[in-house]
């Protein structure tokens, strides 16, 4: 699970404060503060850290695309789309499917 977090300035959780993003998986979690200069807070095993490193490396290799290239399409569950042919990903939900892909420039 990819999440954004915010810890109130009057609170502190396990040595962390401020805002950032995290990857949380079974048995491990890796929190990355926005103002952390590349430092991370890891809990449990190293799986989340390794996976996050792979995601960031792939994003870097792709030229660090931003949300301007992100395309989203929501369709009824019984109406599949060709998003997979666009190197996209399908996120099936109870009554619909959310497709996400990066548009080539």
PDB file of N, CA and C in Angstrom:
ATOM      1  N   UNK A   1       0.847  -1.167   0.000  1.00  0.00           N
ATOM      2  CA  UNK A   1       0.000   0.000   0.000  1.00  0.00           C
ATOM      3  C   UNK A   1       0.897   1.235   0.000  1.00  0.00           C
ATOM      4  N   UNK A   2       0.648   2.116  -0.936  1.00  0.00           N
ATOM      5  CA  UNK A   2       1.389   3.374  -1.025  1.00  0.00           C
ATOM      6  C   UNK A   2       0.552   4.439  -0.333  1.00  0.00           C
ATOM      7  N   UNK A   3       1.151   5.172   0.604  1.00  0.00           N
ATOM      8  CA  UNK A   3       0.401   6.164   1.378  1.00  0.00           C
ATOM      9  C   UNK A   3       1.178   7.467   1.505  1.00  0.00           C
ATOM     10  N   UNK A   4       0.457   8.524   1.776  1.00  0.00           N
ATOM     11  CA  UNK A   4       1.037   9.795   2.195  1.00  0.00           C
ATOM     12  C   UNK A   4       0.724   9.938   3.674  1.00  0.00           C
ATOM     13  N   UNK A   5       1.643  10.510   4.432  1.00  0.00           N
ATOM     14  CA  UNK A   5       1.390  10.672   5.858  1.00  0.00           C
ATOM     15  C   UNK A   5       1.717  12.090   6.294  1.00  0.00           C
ATOM     16  N   UNK A   6       1.088  12.497   7.393  1.00  0.00           N
ATOM     17  CA  UNK A   6       1.345  13.802   8.010  1.00  0.00           C
ATOM     18  C   UNK A   6       1.245  13.620   9.519  1.00  0.00           C
ATOM     19  N   UNK A   7       2.302  13.978  10.218  1.00  0.00           N
ATOM     20  CA  UNK A   7       2.340  13.884  11.672  1.00  0.00           C
ATOM     21  C   UNK A   7       2.329  15.304  12.217  1.00  0.00           C
ATOM     22  N   UNK A   8       1.356  15.596  13.050  1.00  0.00           N
ATOM     23  CA  UNK A   8       1.189  16.928  13.629  1.00  0.00           C
ATOM     24  C   UNK A   8       2.464  17.344  14.356  1.00  0.00           C
ATOM     25  N   UNK A   9       2.769  18.632  14.324  1.00  0.00           N
ATOM     26  CA  UNK A   9       4.012  19.133  14.924  1.00  0.00           C
ATOM     27  C   UNK A   9       4.083  18.891  16.429  1.00  0.00           C
ATOM     28  N   UNK A  10       2.941  18.710  17.074  1.00  0.00           N
ATOM     29  CA  UNK A  10       2.940  18.452  18.514  1.00  0.00           C
ATOM     30  C   UNK A  10       3.013  16.965  18.843  1.00  0.00           C
ATOM     31  N   UNK A  11       3.053  16.135  17.809  1.00  0.00           N
ATOM     32  CA  UNK A  11       3.108  14.695  18.020  1.00  0.00           C
ATOM     33  C   UNK A  11       4.400  14.148  17.440  1.00  0.00           C
ATOM     34  N   UNK A  12       4.779  12.995  17.902  1.00  0.00           N
ATOM     35  CA  UNK A  12       5.924  12.309  17.326  1.00  0.00           C
ATOM     36  C   UNK A  12       5.629  10.818  17.361  1.00  0.00           C
ATOM     37  N   UNK A  13       5.853  10.167  16.259  1.00  0.00           N
ATOM     38  CA  UNK A  13       5.558   8.743  16.157  1.00  0.00           C
ATOM     39  C   UNK A  13       6.824   7.988  15.800  1.00  0.00           C
ATOM     40  N   UNK A  14       7.333   7.217  16.736  1.00  0.00           N
ATOM     41  CA  UNK A  14       8.510   6.378  16.506  1.00  0.00           C
ATOM     42  C   UNK A  14       9.682   7.177  15.945  1.00  0.00           C
ATOM     43  N   UNK A  15       9.867   8.392  16.447  1.00  0.00           N
ATOM     44  CA  UNK A  15      10.982   9.223  16.007  1.00  0.00           C
ATOM     45  C   UNK A  15      10.727  10.008  14.740  1.00  0.00           C
ATOM     46  N   UNK A  16       9.558   9.842  14.147  1.00  0.00           N
ATOM     47  CA  UNK A  16       9.236  10.537  12.896  1.00  0.00           C
ATOM     48  C   UNK A  16       8.417  11.783  13.193  1.00  0.00           C
ATOM     49  N   UNK A  17       8.505  12.751  12.298  1.00  0.00           N
ATOM     50  CA  UNK A  17       7.634  13.913  12.349  1.00  0.00           C
ATOM     51  C   UNK A  17       7.488  14.453  10.940  1.00  0.00           C
ATOM     52  N   UNK A  18       6.621  15.431  10.769  1.00  0.00           N
ATOM     53  CA  UNK A  18       6.447  16.054   9.460  1.00  0.00           C
ATOM     54  C   UNK A  18       5.601  15.232   8.510  1.00  0.00           C
ATOM     55  N   UNK A  19       5.867  15.416   7.211  1.00  0.00           N
ATOM     56  CA  UNK A  19       5.080  14.782   6.161  1.00  0.00           C
ATOM     57  C   UNK A  19       5.980  13.980   5.240  1.00  0.00           C
ATOM     58  N   UNK A  20       5.366  13.043   4.532  1.00  0.00           N
ATOM     59  CA  UNK A  20       6.120  12.244   3.576  1.00  0.00           C
ATOM     60  C   UNK A  20       5.239  11.195   2.933  1.00  0.00           C
ATOM     61  N   UNK A  21       5.870  10.173   2.387  1.00  0.00           N
ATOM     62  CA  UNK A  21       5.143   9.063   1.783  1.00  0.00           C
ATOM     63  C   UNK A  21       5.741   7.767   2.298  1.00  0.00           C
ATOM     64  N   UNK A  22       4.998   6.683   2.116  1.00  0.00           N
ATOM     65  CA  UNK A  22       5.452   5.397   2.640  1.00  0.00           C
ATOM     66  C   UNK A  22       4.934   4.265   1.778  1.00  0.00           C
ATOM     67  N   UNK A  23       5.632   3.149   1.852  1.00  0.00           N
ATOM     68  CA  UNK A  23       5.182   1.902   1.260  1.00  0.00           C
ATOM     69  C   UNK A  23       5.033   0.923   2.412  1.00  0.00           C
ATOM     70  N   UNK A  24       3.829   0.385   2.562  1.00  0.00           N
ATOM     71  CA  UNK A  24       3.537  -0.526   3.661  1.00  0.00           C
ATOM     72  C   UNK A  24       3.126  -1.867   3.068  1.00  0.00           C
ATOM     73  N   UNK A  25       3.801  -2.916   3.486  1.00  0.00           N
ATOM     74  CA  UNK A  25       3.497  -4.255   3.003  1.00  0.00           C
ATOM     75  C   UNK A  25       3.342  -5.211   4.167  1.00  0.00           C
ATOM     76  N   UNK A  26       3.195  -6.480   3.846  1.00  0.00           N
ATOM     77  CA  UNK A  26       3.088  -7.503   4.884  1.00  0.00           C
ATOM     78  C   UNK A  26       4.433  -7.642   5.576  1.00  0.00           C
ATOM     79  N   UNK A  27       4.476  -7.312   6.829  1.00  0.00           N
ATOM     80  CA  UNK A  27       5.691  -7.507   7.610  1.00  0.00           C
ATOM     81  C   UNK A  27       6.741  -6.423   7.501  1.00  0.00           C
ATOM     82  N   UNK A  28       6.490  -5.366   6.728  1.00  0.00           N
ATOM     83  CA  UNK A  28       7.478  -4.288   6.640  1.00  0.00           C
ATOM     84  C   UNK A  28       6.830  -2.994   6.164  1.00  0.00           C
ATOM     85  N   UNK A  29       7.482  -1.893   6.510  1.00  0.00           N
ATOM     86  CA  UNK A  29       7.023  -0.569   6.088  1.00  0.00           C
ATOM     87  C   UNK A  29       8.236   0.331   5.942  1.00  0.00           C
ATOM     88  N   UNK A  30       8.187   1.222   4.948  1.00  0.00           N
ATOM     89  CA  UNK A  30       9.276   2.169   4.717  1.00  0.00           C
ATOM     90  C   UNK A  30       8.667   3.558   4.553  1.00  0.00           C
ATOM     91  N   UNK A  31       9.024   4.476   5.470  1.00  0.00           N
ATOM     92  CA  UNK A  31       8.523   5.845   5.476  1.00  0.00           C
ATOM     93  C   UNK A  31       9.625   6.779   4.986  1.00  0.00           C
ATOM     94  N   UNK A  32       9.278   7.677   4.064  1.00  0.00           N
ATOM     95  CA  UNK A  32      10.245   8.610   3.487  1.00  0.00           C
ATOM     96  C   UNK A  32       9.756  10.036   3.737  1.00  0.00           C
ATOM     97  N   UNK A  33      10.401  10.778   4.648  1.00  0.00           N
ATOM     98  CA  UNK A  33       9.990  12.164   4.903  1.00  0.00           C
ATOM     99  C   UNK A  33      10.346  13.068   3.722  1.00  0.00           C
ATOM    100  N   UNK A  34       9.463  14.026   3.421  1.00  0.00           N
ATOM    101  CA  UNK A  34       9.755  14.981   2.353  1.00  0.00           C
ATOM    102  C   UNK A  34      11.024  15.765   2.648  1.00  0.00           C
ATOM    103  N   UNK A  35      11.232  16.118   3.889  1.00  0.00           N
ATOM    104  CA  UNK A  35      12.398  16.907   4.288  1.00  0.00           C
ATOM    105  C   UNK A  35      13.503  16.027   4.864  1.00  0.00           C
ATOM    106  N   UNK A  36      13.565  14.775   4.461  1.00  0.00           N
ATOM    107  CA  UNK A  36      14.494  13.836   5.076  1.00  0.00           C
ATOM    108  C   UNK A  36      15.821  13.675   4.385  1.00  0.00           C
ATOM    109  N   UNK A  37      16.075  14.411   3.311  1.00  0.00           N
ATOM    110  CA  UNK A  37      17.354  14.352   2.585  1.00  0.00           C
ATOM    111  C   UNK A  37      17.714  12.923   2.188  1.00  0.00           C
ATOM    112  N   UNK A  38      16.688  12.127   1.830  1.00  0.00           N
ATOM    113  CA  UNK A  38      16.945  10.762   1.384  1.00  0.00           C
ATOM    114  C   UNK A  38      16.924   9.722   2.481  1.00  0.00           C
ATOM    115  N   UNK A  39      16.772  10.137   3.725  1.00  0.00           N
ATOM    116  CA  UNK A  39      16.703   9.181   4.829  1.00  0.00           C
ATOM    117  C   UNK A  39      15.339   8.509   4.860  1.00  0.00           C
ATOM    118  N   UNK A  40      15.295   7.304   5.414  1.00  0.00           N
ATOM    119  CA  UNK A  40      14.043   6.571   5.536  1.00  0.00           C
ATOM    120  C   UNK A  40      13.889   6.035   6.951  1.00  0.00           C
ATOM    121  N   UNK A  41      12.661   5.712   7.301  1.00  0.00           N
ATOM    122  CA  UNK A  41      12.350   5.017   8.547  1.00  0.00           C
ATOM    123  C   UNK A  41      11.753   3.678   8.144  1.00  0.00           C
ATOM    124  N   UNK A  42      12.429   2.599   8.474  1.00  0.00           N
ATOM    125  CA  UNK A  42      11.963   1.268   8.096  1.00  0.00           C
ATOM    126  C   UNK A  42      11.577   0.483   9.341  1.00  0.00           C
ATOM    127  N   UNK A  43      10.484  -0.251   9.232  1.00  0.00           N
ATOM    128  CA  UNK A  43       9.982  -1.066  10.333  1.00  0.00           C
ATOM    129  C   UNK A  43       9.733  -2.473   9.813  1.00  0.00           C
ATOM    130  N   UNK A  44      10.061  -3.470  10.615  1.00  0.00           N
ATOM    131  CA  UNK A  44       9.895  -4.858  10.201  1.00  0.00           C
ATOM    132  C   UNK A  44      11.028  -5.256   9.276  1.00  0.00           C
ATOM    133  N   UNK A  45      10.733  -6.076   8.287  1.00  0.00           N
ATOM    134  CA  UNK A  45      11.740  -6.525   7.328  1.00  0.00           C
ATOM    135  C   UNK A  45      12.106  -5.440   6.332  1.00  0.00           C
ATOM    136  N   UNK A  46      13.004  -5.780   5.436  1.00  0.00           N
ATOM    137  CA  UNK A  46      13.504  -4.828   4.437  1.00  0.00           C
ATOM    138  C   UNK A  46      12.710  -4.858   3.134  1.00  0.00           C
ATOM    139  N   UNK A  47      11.683  -5.691   3.041  1.00  0.00           N
ATOM    140  CA  UNK A  47      10.954  -5.849   1.780  1.00  0.00           C
ATOM    141  C   UNK A  47      10.387  -4.536   1.250  1.00  0.00           C
ATOM    142  N   UNK A  48       9.775  -3.731   2.108  1.00  0.00           N
ATOM    143  CA  UNK A  48       9.188  -2.461   1.658  1.00  0.00           C
ATOM    144  C   UNK A  48      10.270  -1.507   1.175  1.00  0.00           C
ATOM    145  N   UNK A  49      11.406  -1.473   1.859  1.00  0.00           N
ATOM    146  CA  UNK A  49      12.512  -0.607   1.432  1.00  0.00           C
ATOM    147  C   UNK A  49      13.019  -1.031   0.056  1.00  0.00           C
ATOM    148  N   UNK A  50      13.224  -2.331  -0.139  1.00  0.00           N
ATOM    149  CA  UNK A  50      13.725  -2.838  -1.424  1.00  0.00           C
ATOM    150  C   UNK A  50      12.719  -2.540  -2.534  1.00  0.00           C
ATOM    151  N   UNK A  51      11.429  -2.783  -2.282  1.00  0.00           N
ATOM    152  CA  UNK A  51      10.404  -2.516  -3.292  1.00  0.00           C
ATOM    153  C   UNK A  51      10.336  -1.032  -3.623  1.00  0.00           C
ATOM    154  N   UNK A  52      10.399  -0.176  -2.611  1.00  0.00           N
ATOM    155  CA  UNK A  52      10.369   1.268  -2.848  1.00  0.00           C
ATOM    156  C   UNK A  52      11.580   1.710  -3.658  1.00  0.00           C
ATOM    157  N   UNK A  53      12.730   1.148  -3.357  1.00  0.00           N
ATOM    158  CA  UNK A  53      13.945   1.463  -4.123  1.00  0.00           C
ATOM    159  C   UNK A  53      13.764   1.065  -5.586  1.00  0.00           C
ATOM    160  N   UNK A  54      13.167  -0.096  -5.842  1.00  0.00           N
ATOM    161  CA  UNK A  54      12.926  -0.538  -7.221  1.00  0.00           C
ATOM    162  C   UNK A  54      11.950   0.397  -7.933  1.00  0.00           C
ATOM    163  N   UNK A  55      10.885   0.832  -7.234  1.00  0.00           N
ATOM    164  CA  UNK A  55       9.919   1.755  -7.837  1.00  0.00           C
ATOM    165  C   UNK A  55      10.570   3.089  -8.189  1.00  0.00           C
ATOM    166  N   UNK A  56      11.367   3.620  -7.279  1.00  0.00           N
ATOM    167  CA  UNK A  56      12.032   4.906  -7.529  1.00  0.00           C
ATOM    168  C   UNK A  56      13.044   4.772  -8.665  1.00  0.00           C
ATOM    169  N   UNK A  57      13.761   3.660  -8.721  1.00  0.00           N
ATOM    170  CA  UNK A  57      14.723   3.434  -9.809  1.00  0.00           C
ATOM    171  C   UNK A  57      14.015   3.349 -11.157  1.00  0.00           C
ATOM    172  N   UNK A  58      12.875   2.663 -11.203  1.00  0.00           N
ATOM    173  CA  UNK A  58      12.116   2.558 -12.455  1.00  0.00           C
ATOM    174  C   UNK A  58      11.583   3.926 -12.875  1.00  0.00           C
ATOM    175  N   UNK A  59      11.108   4.716 -11.919  1.00  0.00           N
ATOM    176  CA  UNK A  59      10.623   6.071 -12.204  1.00  0.00           C
ATOM    177  C   UNK A  59      11.762   6.934 -12.734  1.00  0.00           C
ATOM    178  N   UNK A  60      12.933   6.811 -12.113  1.00  0.00           N
ATOM    179  CA  UNK A  60      14.106   7.565 -12.553  1.00  0.00           C
ATOM    180  C   UNK A  60      14.510   7.152 -13.967  1.00  0.00           C
ATOM    181  N   UNK A  61      14.515   5.841 -14.248  1.00  0.00           N
ATOM    182  CA  UNK A  61      14.878   5.335 -15.579  1.00  0.00           C
ATOM    183  C   UNK A  61      13.895   5.792 -16.649  1.00  0.00           C
ATOM    184  N   UNK A  62      12.637   6.011 -16.255  1.00  0.00           N
ATOM    185  CA  UNK A  62      11.613   6.455 -17.203  1.00  0.00           C
ATOM    186  C   UNK A  62      11.647   7.960 -17.423  1.00  0.00           C
ATOM    187  N   UNK A  63      12.635   8.640 -16.856  1.00  0.00           N
ATOM    188  CA  UNK A  63      12.747  10.084 -17.037  1.00  0.00           C
ATOM    189  C   UNK A  63      11.960  10.883 -16.016  1.00  0.00           C
ATOM    190  N   UNK A  64      11.615  10.267 -14.913  1.00  0.00           N
ATOM    191  CA  UNK A  64      10.856  10.909 -13.826  1.00  0.00           C
ATOM    192  C   UNK A  64       9.566  11.560 -14.323  1.00  0.00           C
ATOM    193  N   UNK A  65       8.694  10.775 -14.960  1.00  0.00           N
ATOM    194  CA  UNK A  65       7.440  11.352 -15.453  1.00  0.00           C
ATOM    195  C   UNK A  65       6.601  11.886 -14.296  1.00  0.00           C
ATOM    196  N   UNK A  66       5.861  12.977 -14.590  1.00  0.00           N
ATOM    197  CA  UNK A  66       5.008  13.564 -13.557  1.00  0.00           C
ATOM    198  C   UNK A  66       3.545  13.346 -13.913  1.00  0.00           C
ATOM    199  N   UNK A  67       2.673  13.935 -13.155  1.00  0.00           N
ATOM    200  CA  UNK A  67       1.242  13.708 -13.330  1.00  0.00           C
ATOM    201  C   UNK A  67       0.689  14.293 -14.630  1.00  0.00           C
ATOM    202  N   UNK A  68       1.445  15.134 -15.321  1.00  0.00           N
ATOM    203  CA  UNK A  68       0.964  15.686 -16.592  1.00  0.00           C
ATOM    204  C   UNK A  68       0.785  14.591 -17.641  1.00  0.00           C
ATOM    205  N   UNK A  69       1.528  13.491 -17.512  1.00  0.00           N
ATOM    206  CA  UNK A  69       1.417  12.374 -18.458  1.00  0.00           C
ATOM    207  C   UNK A  69       0.464  11.286 -17.969  1.00  0.00           C
ATOM    208  N   UNK A  70      -0.020  11.414 -16.745  1.00  0.00           N
ATOM    209  CA  UNK A  70      -0.891  10.398 -16.166  1.00  0.00           C
ATOM    210  C   UNK A  70      -2.282  10.478 -16.773  1.00  0.00           C
ATOM    211  N   UNK A  71      -2.786   9.343 -17.187  1.00  0.00           N
ATOM    212  CA  UNK A  71      -4.138   9.250 -17.729  1.00  0.00           C
ATOM    213  C   UNK A  71      -4.903   8.234 -16.893  1.00  0.00           C
ATOM    214  N   UNK A  72      -6.154   8.574 -16.574  1.00  0.00           N
ATOM    215  CA  UNK A  72      -7.026   7.699 -15.800  1.00  0.00           C
ATOM    216  C   UNK A  72      -8.319   7.494 -16.566  1.00  0.00           C
ATOM    217  N   UNK A  73      -8.844   6.281 -16.521  1.00  0.00           N
ATOM    218  CA  UNK A  73     -10.106   5.965 -17.178  1.00  0.00           C
ATOM    219  C   UNK A  73     -10.897   5.054 -16.255  1.00  0.00           C
ATOM    220  N   UNK A  74     -12.138   5.413 -15.993  1.00  0.00           N
ATOM    221  CA  UNK A  74     -13.020   4.626 -15.143  1.00  0.00           C
ATOM    222  C   UNK A  74     -14.100   4.027 -16.028  1.00  0.00           C
ATOM    223  N   UNK A  75     -14.238   2.698 -16.023  1.00  0.00           N
ATOM    224  CA  UNK A  75     -15.228   2.030 -16.861  1.00  0.00           C
ATOM    225  C   UNK A  75     -16.056   1.068 -16.016  1.00  0.00           C
ATOM    226  N   UNK A  76     -17.273   0.743 -16.478  1.00  0.00           N
ATOM    227  CA  UNK A  76     -18.038  -0.292 -15.785  1.00  0.00           C
ATOM    228  C   UNK A  76     -17.261  -1.610 -15.813  1.00  0.00           C
ATOM    229  N   UNK A  77     -17.478  -2.441 -14.817  1.00  0.00           N
ATOM    230  CA  UNK A  77     -16.721  -3.690 -14.711  1.00  0.00           C
ATOM    231  C   UNK A  77     -16.943  -4.604 -15.914  1.00  0.00           C
ATOM    232  N   UNK A  78     -18.120  -4.553 -16.519  1.00  0.00           N
ATOM    233  CA  UNK A  78     -18.414  -5.427 -17.659  1.00  0.00           C
ATOM    234  C   UNK A  78     -18.003  -4.809 -18.993  1.00  0.00           C
ATOM    235  N   UNK A  79     -17.225  -3.737 -18.981  1.00  0.00           N
ATOM    236  CA  UNK A  79     -16.793  -3.065 -20.202  1.00  0.00           C
ATOM    237  C   UNK A  79     -15.274  -2.892 -20.200  1.00  0.00           C
ATOM    238  N   UNK A  80     -14.517  -4.000 -20.436  1.00  0.00           N
ATOM    239  CA  UNK A  80     -13.056  -3.892 -20.391  1.00  0.00           C
ATOM    240  C   UNK A  80     -12.510  -2.926 -21.441  1.00  0.00           C
ATOM    241  N   UNK A  81     -11.342  -2.378 -21.163  1.00  0.00           N
ATOM    242  CA  UNK A  81     -10.700  -1.402 -22.036  1.00  0.00           C
ATOM    243  C   UNK A  81      -9.319  -1.911 -22.417  1.00  0.00           C
ATOM    244  N   UNK A  82      -8.695  -1.303 -23.403  1.00  0.00           N
ATOM    245  CA  UNK A  82      -7.379  -1.724 -23.875  1.00  0.00           C
ATOM    246  C   UNK A  82      -6.247  -1.013 -23.148  1.00  0.00           C
ATOM    247  N   UNK A  83      -6.422  -0.614 -21.915  1.00  0.00           N
ATOM    248  CA  UNK A  83      -5.366   0.103 -21.191  1.00  0.00           C
ATOM    249  C   UNK A  83      -4.117  -0.754 -21.044  1.00  0.00           C
ATOM    250  N   UNK A  84      -4.286  -2.070 -20.986  1.00  0.00           N
ATOM    251  CA  UNK A  84      -3.115  -2.946 -20.859  1.00  0.00           C
ATOM    252  C   UNK A  84      -2.203  -2.798 -22.066  1.00  0.00           C
ATOM    253  N   UNK A  85      -2.780  -2.549 -23.245  1.00  0.00           N
ATOM    254  CA  UNK A  85      -1.954  -2.370 -24.437  1.00  0.00           C
ATOM    255  C   UNK A  85      -1.202  -1.044 -24.404  1.00  0.00           C
ATOM    256  N   UNK A  86      -1.552  -0.162 -23.480  1.00  0.00           N
ATOM    257  CA  UNK A  86      -0.878   1.127 -23.326  1.00  0.00           C
ATOM    258  C   UNK A  86       0.128   1.076 -22.182  1.00  0.00           C
ATOM    259  N   UNK A  87       0.565  -0.115 -21.808  1.00  0.00           N
ATOM    260  CA  UNK A  87       1.454  -0.304 -20.658  1.00  0.00           C
ATOM    261  C   UNK A  87       0.843   0.278 -19.401  1.00  0.00           C
ATOM    262  N   UNK A  88      -0.455   0.141 -19.293  1.00  0.00           N
ATOM    263  CA  UNK A  88      -1.154   0.646 -18.125  1.00  0.00           C
ATOM    264  C   UNK A  88      -1.407  -0.447 -17.114  1.00  0.00           C
ATOM    265  N   UNK A  89      -2.135  -0.080 -16.095  1.00  0.00           N
ATOM    266  CA  UNK A  89      -2.493  -1.026 -15.051  1.00  0.00           C
ATOM    267  C   UNK A  89      -3.972  -0.883 -14.759  1.00  0.00           C
ATOM    268  N   UNK A  90      -4.626  -2.021 -14.570  1.00  0.00           N
ATOM    269  CA  UNK A  90      -6.043  -2.036 -14.240  1.00  0.00           C
ATOM    270  C   UNK A  90      -6.209  -2.272 -12.745  1.00  0.00           C
ATOM    271  N   UNK A  91      -7.087  -1.487 -12.134  1.00  0.00           N
ATOM    272  CA  UNK A  91      -7.393  -1.629 -10.713  1.00  0.00           C
ATOM    273  C   UNK A  91      -8.871  -1.997 -10.595  1.00  0.00           C
ATOM    274  N   UNK A  92      -9.187  -3.309 -10.568  1.00  0.00           N
ATOM    275  CA  UNK A  92     -10.591  -3.712 -10.472  1.00  0.00           C
ATOM    276  C   UNK A  92     -11.176  -3.354  -9.105  1.00  0.00           C
ATOM    277  N   UNK A  93     -12.365  -2.820  -9.129  1.00  0.00           N
ATOM    278  CA  UNK A  93     -13.114  -2.504  -7.922  1.00  0.00           C
ATOM    279  C   UNK A  93     -14.437  -3.259  -7.974  1.00  0.00           C
ATOM    280  N   UNK A  94     -15.275  -3.042  -6.990  1.00  0.00           N
ATOM    281  CA  UNK A  94     -16.516  -3.816  -6.895  1.00  0.00           C
ATOM    282  C   UNK A  94     -17.400  -3.659  -8.136  1.00  0.00           C
ATOM    283  N   UNK A  95     -17.624  -2.428  -8.584  1.00  0.00           N
ATOM    284  CA  UNK A  95     -18.535  -2.204  -9.705  1.00  0.00           C
ATOM    285  C   UNK A  95     -17.889  -1.552 -10.915  1.00  0.00           C
ATOM    286  N   UNK A  96     -16.599  -1.260 -10.860  1.00  0.00           N
ATOM    287  CA  UNK A  96     -15.936  -0.609 -11.987  1.00  0.00           C
ATOM    288  C   UNK A  96     -14.457  -0.999 -12.017  1.00  0.00           C
ATOM    289  N   UNK A  97     -13.789  -0.576 -13.066  1.00  0.00           N
ATOM    290  CA  UNK A  97     -12.348  -0.790 -13.207  1.00  0.00           C
ATOM    291  C   UNK A  97     -11.705   0.569 -13.454  1.00  0.00           C
ATOM    292  N   UNK A  98     -10.661   0.861 -12.697  1.00  0.00           N
ATOM    293  CA  UNK A  98      -9.890   2.082 -12.897  1.00  0.00           C
ATOM    294  C   UNK A  98      -8.624   1.710 -13.653  1.00  0.00           C
ATOM    295  N   UNK A  99      -8.421   2.328 -14.815  1.00  0.00           N
ATOM    296  CA  UNK A  99      -7.213   2.119 -15.606  1.00  0.00           C
ATOM    297  C   UNK A  99      -6.307   3.333 -15.439  1.00  0.00           C
ATOM    298  N   UNK A 100      -5.017   3.084 -15.314  1.00  0.00           N
ATOM    299  CA  UNK A 100      -4.036   4.171 -15.193  1.00  0.00           C
ATOM    300  C   UNK A 100      -2.867   3.871 -16.118  1.00  0.00           C
ATOM    301  N   UNK A 101      -2.391   4.892 -16.835  1.00  0.00           N
ATOM    302  CA  UNK A 101      -1.230   4.731 -17.700  1.00  0.00           C
ATOM    303  C   UNK A 101      -0.571   6.084 -17.910  1.00  0.00           C
ATOM    304  N   UNK A 102       0.658   6.047 -18.389  1.00  0.00           N
ATOM    305  CA  UNK A 102       1.387   7.268 -18.723  1.00  0.00           C
ATOM    306  C   UNK A 102       1.358   7.451 -20.228  1.00  0.00           C
ATOM    307  N   UNK A 103       0.918   8.616 -20.660  1.00  0.00           N
ATOM    308  CA  UNK A 103       0.871   8.928 -22.083  1.00  0.00           C
ATOM    309  C   UNK A 103       2.285   9.215 -22.577  1.00  0.00           C
ATOM    310  N   UNK A 104       2.629   8.662 -23.720  1.00  0.00           N
ATOM    311  CA  UNK A 104       3.948   8.928 -24.306  1.00  0.00           C
ATOM    312  C   UNK A 104       4.002  10.346 -24.844  1.00  0.00           C
ATOM    313  N   UNK A 105       5.184  10.942 -24.749  1.00  0.00           N
ATOM    314  CA  UNK A 105       5.339  12.306 -25.267  1.00  0.00           C
ATOM    315  C   UNK A 105       6.097  12.297 -26.563  1.00  0.00           C
TER     316      UNK A 105
END
